[in-house]
Protein backbone atom coordinates (compact mmCIF):
# COMPACT_ATOMS: atom_id res chain seq x y z
CA UNK A 1 22.64 -244.01 30.20
CA UNK A 2 24.94 -247.07 29.93
CA UNK A 3 24.80 -250.45 30.53
CA UNK A 4 27.18 -252.53 32.50
CA UNK A 5 28.31 -256.18 31.01
CA UNK A 6 30.66 -258.76 32.98
CA UNK A 7 33.14 -259.61 30.13
CA UNK A 8 35.79 -261.56 32.54
CA UNK A 9 36.17 -262.15 36.10
CA UNK A 10 38.47 -258.75 36.42
CA UNK A 11 37.20 -256.44 33.32
CA UNK A 12 33.91 -254.35 33.06
CA UNK A 13 32.62 -253.35 29.65
CA UNK A 14 30.63 -249.98 29.36
CA UNK A 15 28.32 -250.12 26.94
CA UNK A 16 26.29 -246.58 25.91
CA UNK A 17 22.67 -247.18 25.10
CA UNK A 18 23.10 -245.04 21.99
CA UNK A 19 26.67 -245.24 20.64
CA UNK A 20 29.37 -247.60 19.17
CA UNK A 21 31.91 -246.64 21.89
CA UNK A 22 32.65 -248.93 24.32
CA UNK A 23 35.50 -248.79 27.66
CA UNK A 24 36.87 -252.19 29.32
CA UNK A 25 38.03 -250.77 32.63
CA UNK A 26 40.42 -253.16 33.91
CA UNK A 27 41.47 -253.82 37.76
CA UNK A 28 44.64 -253.47 37.86
CA UNK A 29 45.40 -254.04 41.38
CA UNK A 30 43.32 -257.10 41.38
CA UNK A 31 46.82 -258.37 39.70
CA UNK A 32 50.27 -259.53 40.92
CA UNK A 33 53.33 -258.55 39.14
CA UNK A 34 53.19 -261.34 37.55
CA UNK A 35 49.65 -260.82 36.12
CA UNK A 36 48.47 -263.45 38.38
CA UNK A 37 45.02 -262.60 40.15
CA UNK A 38 45.51 -261.32 43.29
CA UNK A 39 43.76 -263.28 45.77
CA UNK A 40 44.49 -261.44 48.85
CA UNK A 41 42.26 -258.65 47.20
CA UNK A 42 39.26 -260.75 47.30
CA UNK A 43 39.19 -261.37 51.09
CA UNK A 44 35.74 -261.65 52.42
CA UNK A 45 34.38 -262.50 56.22
CA UNK A 46 35.37 -262.23 59.23
CA UNK A 47 37.94 -265.19 59.17
CA UNK A 48 36.04 -268.15 59.74
CA UNK A 49 35.25 -271.15 58.11
CA UNK A 50 32.16 -269.15 56.38
CA UNK A 51 35.01 -266.52 55.43
CA UNK A 52 37.64 -266.39 52.46
CA UNK A 53 41.08 -265.64 53.58
CA UNK A 54 42.52 -264.88 50.45
CA UNK A 55 44.52 -268.30 50.03
CA UNK A 56 43.89 -271.02 47.60
CA UNK A 57 45.75 -274.48 48.95
CA UNK A 58 46.38 -277.22 46.40
CA UNK A 59 47.07 -279.91 49.34
CA UNK A 60 48.62 -283.41 48.27
CA UNK A 61 48.29 -286.31 50.24
CA UNK A 62 44.76 -284.71 51.38
CA UNK A 63 43.24 -288.20 52.12
CA UNK A 64 46.14 -289.00 54.40
CA UNK A 65 47.11 -289.30 58.28
CA UNK A 66 48.12 -285.41 58.81
CA UNK A 67 46.45 -284.31 55.17
CA UNK A 68 42.69 -284.76 57.16
CA UNK A 69 43.99 -282.60 60.14
CA UNK A 70 45.69 -279.67 57.54
CA UNK A 71 42.36 -280.16 55.86
CA UNK A 72 40.23 -278.99 58.83
CA UNK A 73 42.62 -276.27 59.79
CA UNK A 74 42.36 -274.74 56.40
CA UNK A 75 38.88 -274.73 55.92
CA UNK A 76 38.53 -273.10 59.59
CA UNK A 77 40.60 -270.14 58.74
CA UNK A 78 38.32 -269.57 55.44
CA UNK A 79 41.12 -271.09 52.61
CA UNK A 80 39.34 -272.33 49.81
CA UNK A 81 41.03 -275.63 48.85
CA UNK A 82 41.76 -277.85 45.78
CA UNK A 83 42.00 -281.46 46.90
CA UNK A 84 43.71 -283.98 44.08
CA UNK A 85 43.17 -287.81 44.96
CA UNK A 86 44.58 -290.46 43.15
CA UNK A 87 42.09 -293.19 44.02
CA UNK A 88 38.22 -293.29 44.81
CA UNK A 89 36.75 -290.08 44.73
CA UNK A 90 34.66 -291.47 48.21
CA UNK A 91 37.94 -291.73 50.00
CA UNK A 92 38.16 -287.84 49.77
CA UNK A 93 34.48 -286.72 49.95
CA UNK A 94 34.47 -287.20 53.38
CA UNK A 95 36.88 -283.73 53.41
CA UNK A 96 33.85 -281.54 51.82
CA UNK A 97 32.77 -280.60 55.17
CA UNK A 98 35.98 -279.21 56.07
CA UNK A 99 35.20 -275.97 54.44
CA UNK A 100 31.97 -273.69 53.51
CA UNK A 101 30.14 -274.27 50.53
CA UNK A 102 31.94 -273.92 47.11
CA UNK A 103 35.58 -273.41 49.11
CA UNK A 104 36.30 -277.74 48.76
CA UNK A 105 37.43 -278.40 45.05
CA UNK A 106 38.54 -282.14 44.02
CA UNK A 107 40.15 -283.00 41.15
CA UNK A 108 41.69 -286.63 40.34
CA UNK A 109 45.53 -286.88 39.70
CA UNK A 110 48.25 -289.20 39.51
CA UNK A 111 51.57 -288.33 41.02
CA UNK A 112 53.53 -288.98 37.48
CA UNK A 113 51.37 -287.22 35.16
CA UNK A 114 52.57 -283.61 34.92
CA UNK A 115 48.84 -282.47 33.18
CA UNK A 116 46.87 -283.31 36.21
CA UNK A 117 49.29 -282.01 38.64
CA UNK A 118 49.37 -278.25 36.86
CA UNK A 119 45.89 -278.75 36.78
CA UNK A 120 45.67 -279.16 40.54
CA UNK A 121 48.11 -276.04 40.94
CA UNK A 122 47.17 -273.61 38.61
CA UNK A 123 44.97 -271.48 40.48
CA UNK A 124 46.74 -271.82 43.76
CA UNK A 125 48.81 -269.49 45.77
CA UNK A 126 50.12 -272.23 48.16
CA UNK A 127 51.12 -275.72 47.41
CA UNK A 128 51.17 -278.40 50.66
CA UNK A 129 52.93 -281.63 49.86
CA UNK A 130 52.08 -284.48 52.15
CA UNK A 131 52.56 -287.30 49.73
CA UNK A 132 54.56 -289.76 51.44
CA UNK A 133 54.61 -293.88 51.86
CA UNK A 134 55.33 -296.19 54.51
CA UNK A 135 56.34 -298.76 52.51
CA UNK A 136 56.95 -300.05 48.31
CA UNK A 137 54.65 -301.37 46.45
CA UNK A 138 54.82 -303.30 42.95
CA UNK A 139 53.01 -299.88 41.50
CA UNK A 140 55.21 -297.13 43.50
CA UNK A 141 58.93 -297.35 45.06
CA UNK A 142 59.89 -294.97 47.69
CA UNK A 143 61.78 -293.14 44.88
CA UNK A 144 58.61 -293.00 43.06
CA UNK A 145 56.96 -291.32 45.88
CA UNK A 146 59.41 -289.37 48.01
CA UNK A 147 61.97 -288.21 45.12
CA UNK A 148 60.41 -287.95 41.91
CA UNK A 149 57.05 -286.95 42.81
CA UNK A 150 57.97 -284.05 45.49
CA UNK A 151 60.38 -283.19 42.09
CA UNK A 152 58.04 -282.92 39.92
CA UNK A 153 55.59 -280.94 41.95
CA UNK A 154 57.84 -278.45 43.08
CA UNK A 155 59.25 -277.63 39.13
CA UNK A 156 55.15 -277.68 38.39
CA UNK A 157 54.97 -275.22 40.95
CA UNK A 158 57.51 -273.16 40.10
CA UNK A 159 56.88 -272.96 36.00
CA UNK A 160 52.68 -271.86 36.79
CA UNK A 161 54.16 -269.33 39.59
CA UNK A 162 53.04 -270.81 43.02
CA UNK A 163 53.74 -268.45 45.51
CA UNK A 164 54.60 -270.60 48.87
CA UNK A 165 55.57 -274.68 48.90
CA UNK A 166 55.54 -276.52 51.84
CA UNK A 167 56.72 -280.03 52.16
CA UNK A 168 56.92 -282.32 54.78
CA UNK A 169 60.07 -284.81 54.98
CA UNK A 170 61.26 -286.87 57.72
CA UNK A 171 63.57 -285.69 60.73
CA UNK A 172 66.10 -288.62 60.88
CA UNK A 173 66.43 -288.56 56.67
CA UNK A 174 69.89 -288.73 55.69
CA UNK A 175 71.83 -289.67 52.95
CA UNK A 176 73.43 -292.91 54.25
CA UNK A 177 71.86 -294.35 57.32
CA UNK A 178 73.51 -296.87 59.30
CA UNK A 179 70.91 -300.07 59.48
CA UNK A 180 69.96 -300.76 63.04
CA UNK A 181 67.32 -303.51 62.13
CA UNK A 182 67.98 -304.00 58.16
CA UNK A 183 70.72 -305.57 56.96
CA UNK A 184 71.65 -302.29 54.45
CA UNK A 185 70.47 -298.54 54.86
CA UNK A 186 67.00 -297.84 54.70
CA UNK A 187 65.52 -296.88 51.19
CA UNK A 188 63.09 -294.95 53.49
CA UNK A 189 65.49 -292.44 54.73
CA UNK A 190 67.88 -292.04 51.88
CA UNK A 191 64.78 -291.03 49.65
CA UNK A 192 63.29 -288.60 52.22
CA UNK A 193 66.54 -287.28 52.14
CA UNK A 194 66.99 -286.92 48.31
CA UNK A 195 63.16 -285.73 48.28
CA UNK A 196 64.58 -282.53 50.19
CA UNK A 197 67.05 -281.82 47.91
CA UNK A 198 64.88 -282.22 44.80
CA UNK A 199 62.26 -279.78 46.13
CA UNK A 200 64.78 -277.17 47.11
CA UNK A 201 66.26 -277.44 43.81
CA UNK A 202 63.10 -276.86 41.97
CA UNK A 203 61.77 -274.35 44.02
CA UNK A 204 64.43 -272.84 46.37
CA UNK A 205 62.22 -270.73 48.88
CA UNK A 206 60.37 -273.60 49.84
CA UNK A 207 59.30 -274.26 53.32
CA UNK A 208 60.42 -277.83 54.59
CA UNK A 209 59.06 -279.47 57.72
CA UNK A 210 61.27 -282.68 59.34
CA UNK A 211 58.46 -284.49 61.51
CA UNK A 212 60.14 -287.35 64.13
CA UNK A 213 57.26 -289.85 64.86
CA UNK A 214 53.48 -288.60 64.95
CA UNK A 215 50.65 -289.86 66.88
CA UNK A 216 46.94 -289.39 67.04
CA UNK A 217 43.66 -290.68 65.83
CA UNK A 218 44.70 -293.62 63.08
CA UNK A 219 48.44 -293.12 63.57
CA UNK A 220 51.05 -295.64 62.94
CA UNK A 221 52.87 -294.70 66.22
CA UNK A 222 51.10 -295.33 69.39
CA UNK A 223 48.85 -297.98 67.20
CA UNK A 224 51.82 -300.22 66.17
CA UNK A 225 52.42 -301.08 69.73
CA UNK A 226 49.13 -301.83 70.61
CA UNK A 227 48.03 -303.88 67.75
CA UNK A 228 48.42 -308.02 68.33
CA UNK A 229 50.31 -308.41 65.28
CA UNK A 230 53.74 -306.63 66.81
CA UNK A 231 53.50 -308.63 70.26
CA UNK A 232 53.10 -311.80 71.17
CA UNK A 233 50.63 -312.14 73.50
CA UNK A 234 52.48 -310.44 76.75
CA UNK A 235 55.84 -310.44 74.70
CA UNK A 236 57.09 -307.12 73.44
CA UNK A 237 60.20 -307.59 71.24
CA UNK A 238 62.11 -304.14 70.99
CA UNK A 239 65.97 -303.28 69.22
CA UNK A 240 68.05 -303.23 72.07
CA UNK A 241 65.47 -303.56 74.79
CA UNK A 242 64.43 -300.14 73.65
CA UNK A 243 67.44 -298.94 75.85
CA UNK A 244 69.13 -297.57 72.92
CA UNK A 245 66.36 -295.52 71.26
CA UNK A 246 65.44 -291.89 72.46
CA UNK A 247 61.95 -290.91 70.48
CA UNK A 248 60.59 -287.21 70.53
CA UNK A 249 57.16 -288.02 68.84
CA UNK A 250 54.74 -285.11 67.67
CA UNK A 251 51.41 -284.73 67.85
CA UNK A 252 49.47 -284.15 64.57
CA UNK A 253 47.17 -281.62 65.15
CA UNK A 254 50.71 -279.26 66.31
CA UNK A 255 52.26 -280.42 62.54
CA UNK A 256 49.05 -279.30 61.02
CA UNK A 257 49.46 -276.21 62.81
CA UNK A 258 53.09 -275.46 62.55
CA UNK A 259 52.13 -276.12 58.44
CA UNK A 260 49.30 -273.13 58.55
CA UNK A 261 51.44 -270.70 60.53
CA UNK A 262 54.38 -271.58 58.21
CA UNK A 263 51.88 -270.33 55.32
CA UNK A 264 50.83 -267.02 57.19
CA UNK A 265 54.02 -266.09 58.08
CA UNK A 266 56.50 -264.89 54.80
CA UNK A 267 59.79 -264.97 56.72
CA UNK A 268 59.44 -268.91 56.52
CA UNK A 269 60.20 -269.08 53.11
CA UNK A 270 63.69 -271.00 52.54
CA UNK A 271 63.74 -272.20 56.26
CA UNK A 272 63.78 -275.74 57.60
CA UNK A 273 61.90 -276.78 60.54
CA UNK A 274 61.60 -279.73 63.26
CA UNK A 275 58.51 -281.12 63.87
CA UNK A 276 59.19 -282.65 66.90
CA UNK A 277 57.32 -283.15 70.60
CA UNK A 278 58.33 -281.25 74.06
CA UNK A 279 59.77 -283.93 75.52
CA UNK A 280 62.44 -286.75 74.61
CA UNK A 281 61.70 -290.60 76.39
CA UNK A 282 63.49 -294.16 75.78
CA UNK A 283 61.72 -296.20 73.89
CA UNK A 284 61.89 -298.60 76.59
CA UNK A 285 59.75 -296.12 78.66
CA UNK A 286 57.41 -295.04 76.19
CA UNK A 287 56.23 -298.49 75.65
CA UNK A 288 55.84 -299.57 79.28
CA UNK A 289 53.79 -296.66 79.74
CA UNK A 290 51.44 -297.80 76.68
CA UNK A 291 50.55 -300.95 78.29
CA UNK A 292 50.17 -299.58 81.63
CA UNK A 293 47.43 -297.46 79.96
CA UNK A 294 46.15 -300.37 78.15
CA UNK A 295 45.83 -302.47 81.91
CA UNK A 296 47.35 -305.80 79.55
CA UNK A 297 50.45 -305.69 82.32
CA UNK A 298 48.03 -306.60 85.28
CA UNK A 299 46.52 -310.14 84.72
CA UNK A 300 49.25 -312.22 82.79
CA UNK A 301 51.96 -309.71 83.32
CA UNK A 302 54.20 -307.93 80.62
CA UNK A 303 57.84 -308.74 79.60
CA UNK A 304 60.04 -306.42 76.92
CA UNK A 305 63.48 -307.91 75.63
CA UNK A 306 65.50 -307.48 72.46
CA UNK A 307 64.51 -308.32 69.44
CA UNK A 308 67.56 -310.26 68.57
CA UNK A 309 66.92 -312.81 70.27
CA UNK A 310 63.32 -313.26 68.70
CA UNK A 311 62.70 -316.34 65.95
CA UNK A 312 59.41 -315.84 65.79
CA UNK A 313 59.14 -312.06 65.00
CA UNK A 314 61.17 -312.66 61.27
CA UNK A 315 58.81 -315.18 60.21
CA UNK A 316 55.63 -313.16 61.40
CA UNK A 317 57.32 -309.85 59.60
CA UNK A 318 57.72 -312.13 56.43
CA UNK A 319 54.50 -313.98 56.75
CA UNK A 320 52.48 -310.79 56.75
CA UNK A 321 54.35 -309.21 53.76
CA UNK A 322 53.50 -312.68 51.69
CA UNK A 323 49.81 -312.27 52.67
CA UNK A 324 49.47 -308.62 52.19
CA UNK A 325 52.45 -307.09 50.04
CA UNK A 326 50.12 -304.05 49.09
CA UNK A 327 49.20 -303.36 53.20
CA UNK A 328 51.48 -305.04 55.87
CA UNK A 329 48.86 -305.68 58.26
CA UNK A 330 49.41 -303.54 61.79
CA UNK A 331 52.23 -301.65 59.60
CA UNK A 332 54.45 -304.95 60.30
CA UNK A 333 57.45 -304.48 58.10
CA UNK A 334 61.40 -304.18 58.05
CA UNK A 335 61.35 -300.49 57.58
CA UNK A 336 59.04 -299.43 60.13
CA UNK A 337 60.67 -301.67 62.36
CA UNK A 338 63.94 -299.70 61.43
CA UNK A 339 62.05 -296.32 61.87
CA UNK A 340 60.76 -297.50 65.09
CA UNK A 341 64.32 -298.50 66.30
CA UNK A 342 65.78 -294.90 65.08
CA UNK A 343 66.90 -292.32 67.68
CA UNK A 344 65.73 -288.91 67.01
CA UNK A 345 68.37 -286.62 65.82
CA UNK A 346 67.73 -282.73 66.79
CA UNK A 347 69.98 -280.29 64.83
CA UNK A 348 70.56 -277.60 67.78
CA UNK A 349 70.98 -274.81 65.12
CA UNK A 350 67.53 -275.44 63.26
CA UNK A 351 64.19 -273.96 64.27
CA UNK A 352 61.06 -275.77 65.40
CA UNK A 353 57.42 -275.72 65.89
CA UNK A 354 57.82 -273.64 68.72
CA UNK A 355 59.35 -271.02 66.79
CA UNK A 356 56.34 -271.27 64.37
CA UNK A 357 53.94 -270.37 67.77
CA UNK A 358 52.58 -273.70 68.00
CA UNK A 359 51.48 -274.67 72.05
CA UNK A 360 52.95 -278.44 71.69
CA UNK A 361 50.64 -280.69 72.89
CA UNK A 362 52.11 -282.98 75.70
CA UNK A 363 51.82 -287.13 74.89
CA UNK A 364 50.78 -287.52 78.89
CA UNK A 365 47.72 -285.65 77.48
CA UNK A 366 47.16 -286.86 74.56
CA UNK A 367 47.99 -291.19 75.01
CA UNK A 368 45.56 -291.97 76.90
CA UNK A 369 42.88 -291.05 74.86
CA UNK A 370 44.47 -292.77 71.78
CA UNK A 371 44.98 -295.75 73.73
CA UNK A 372 41.30 -296.31 75.17
CA UNK A 373 40.08 -298.27 72.50
CA UNK A 374 42.85 -300.73 73.50
CA UNK A 375 42.15 -301.36 76.97
CA UNK A 376 41.66 -304.39 78.58
CA UNK A 377 38.33 -305.08 80.46
CA UNK A 378 37.03 -302.48 78.05
CA UNK A 379 33.25 -303.13 78.97
CA UNK A 380 33.99 -303.39 82.61
CA UNK A 381 32.60 -300.07 84.46
CA UNK A 382 35.39 -299.62 87.18
CA UNK A 383 34.77 -297.66 90.38
CA UNK A 384 36.45 -293.99 90.54
CA UNK A 385 40.08 -294.88 91.45
CA UNK A 386 39.63 -298.71 90.98
CA UNK A 387 42.62 -298.31 88.74
CA UNK A 388 45.31 -296.35 89.56
CA UNK A 389 46.33 -293.87 86.91
CA UNK A 390 50.04 -294.88 85.90
CA UNK A 391 52.86 -292.54 86.13
CA UNK A 392 54.04 -290.74 83.11
CA UNK A 393 56.84 -292.23 81.26
CA UNK A 394 60.61 -290.38 82.38
CA UNK A 395 61.80 -288.04 80.52
CA UNK A 396 65.26 -288.79 78.82
CA UNK A 397 67.91 -285.78 79.55
CA UNK A 398 71.10 -286.86 78.66
């Protein structure tokens, strides 16, 4: 007769009751070729939130706009998540309910601390980098966040043997961007371009997603036009009156689904995908439609004009950044205005979210819901059909 004792995660020791000999049996089938545990061998359940699908994913930037959607979708398919956070734990704690009991783990980290990054990715077979910054602060520059941080994460992932790395970048990132609103090239665009190159240098099989303007709950695209700080009452200043800027915004849930589908498909290694919406619009037409949805053009009218003739906007931007340099109110700063004025350039040879199997959301179906809290006469109970539904914006086909 023999007794069995668990000596490790994958080893079983058999000890005879009357004897001195023992046998250690290693379940080699649960190890990959490089000696790391083969987590796929431990799949359990039917594939839902209370299952384990064999993926352990570290999500950097989990508390951000896109990160919350990615975590929810990962938890929904039974992924175990390791969520690094750098500020107060309570900012990340709400993500605990994204997965089942024991499937969501938290660890503090700093993007400049290699030891904390290694701890966060050591047991993962998938790492997703969603860290980004719309503006610079005294503690973190664009280079720190978009270039050196991703390079450090990619290098450590390669050193510890992570199988997949997904990196979220920017559609209009380029090495030498032409300044539109700014007087010098956008450091945001340059840093995003350099960050992509840094990730590919350190982790050649990484999957890159270049996203256009992303909209959704608590976004910084649609809501930037709705905030009172962006307008002067009923006056809306835009770069060249919005007639020279073409946008192809994408819904945040579609971007998150694209990341999930990329994880599941091994053929997405070494690929660059463009996370863009299904249609292109002139910025002027989009903003006009937003104002009609908010019913702010009915009583006092609404006027859109070229921002270069506006002496108030530069003063407002300077005042906002002087009062709150660490968090510009209404996301009002020059780099955001530069991105707002930038036309989305789509490279015809690169795949998009549709190639990842994502059914894209139409902005006409989502924007009315997003702008409902900003609607005029919010507490007025209108009759059915009293306020006609505005026509959707014209699709730009040129």
